[in-house]
């Protein structure tokens, strides 16, 4: 009973990826149960054994922040890995699509002078996002022992995503407008597939960033 109440309170106190959260709570329950069984084998009643196991484990106010920090690190790693893989991959695939798309030369002749600089700026945003994702992933995995406040890295990366995506969408819209809507693109299968895949990836990135922003609030000082 005491262990169940303690574990339920720990579950309510934590916020993060469901799978990782479940694993942490199950691990805590198993540790408490093992300790209680050891006390019970020593001759104590079950209720007293659970009480001692809970006391030995620690108060929720002391234990929960450490578990929450681990969940925050997990969420940060997942977002970083998503950005590190999806953003450069999408940029590369779009470059390949435009390289092989049967564009009419007349369409490109109508491009405004700002088209190429804006396209390079968009590629720069994507490159920066991929690099930030890779560096954050590296810091939260191999460098985790030296990172004292992983929630700060996680929050900065999430804020970057929320700032970056609206800008890239605006730049992409500007490029679409500047290209004067090349004809035949909707019938070009690779372009259609990528046009559907890119918003899905953007949605996943925004969802991951929103979750990271939410859970990092748990570790911010009052």
Foldseek 3Di string as FASTA:
>chain_A
DLLVVQLVVLLVLAAADPVLSVVVSVVLSVQLVVQLVVVVVVPDDSVVSSVVSVVVVHDSVVPNVVSLQVRLLVLLLVLLVLLLPPLVVLVVLVVVCVVPPPFDPVLVVQFDPCLVVLVVVLVVLSVVLNVLSVVLNCCSPVVVVVDPRNLVSSLVNLVSLVVSVVVSVVSVVVNCVRSVNTPPQCVVVSSVVSVVVVVVSSVVSNVSSVSSNVSSVSVDDD
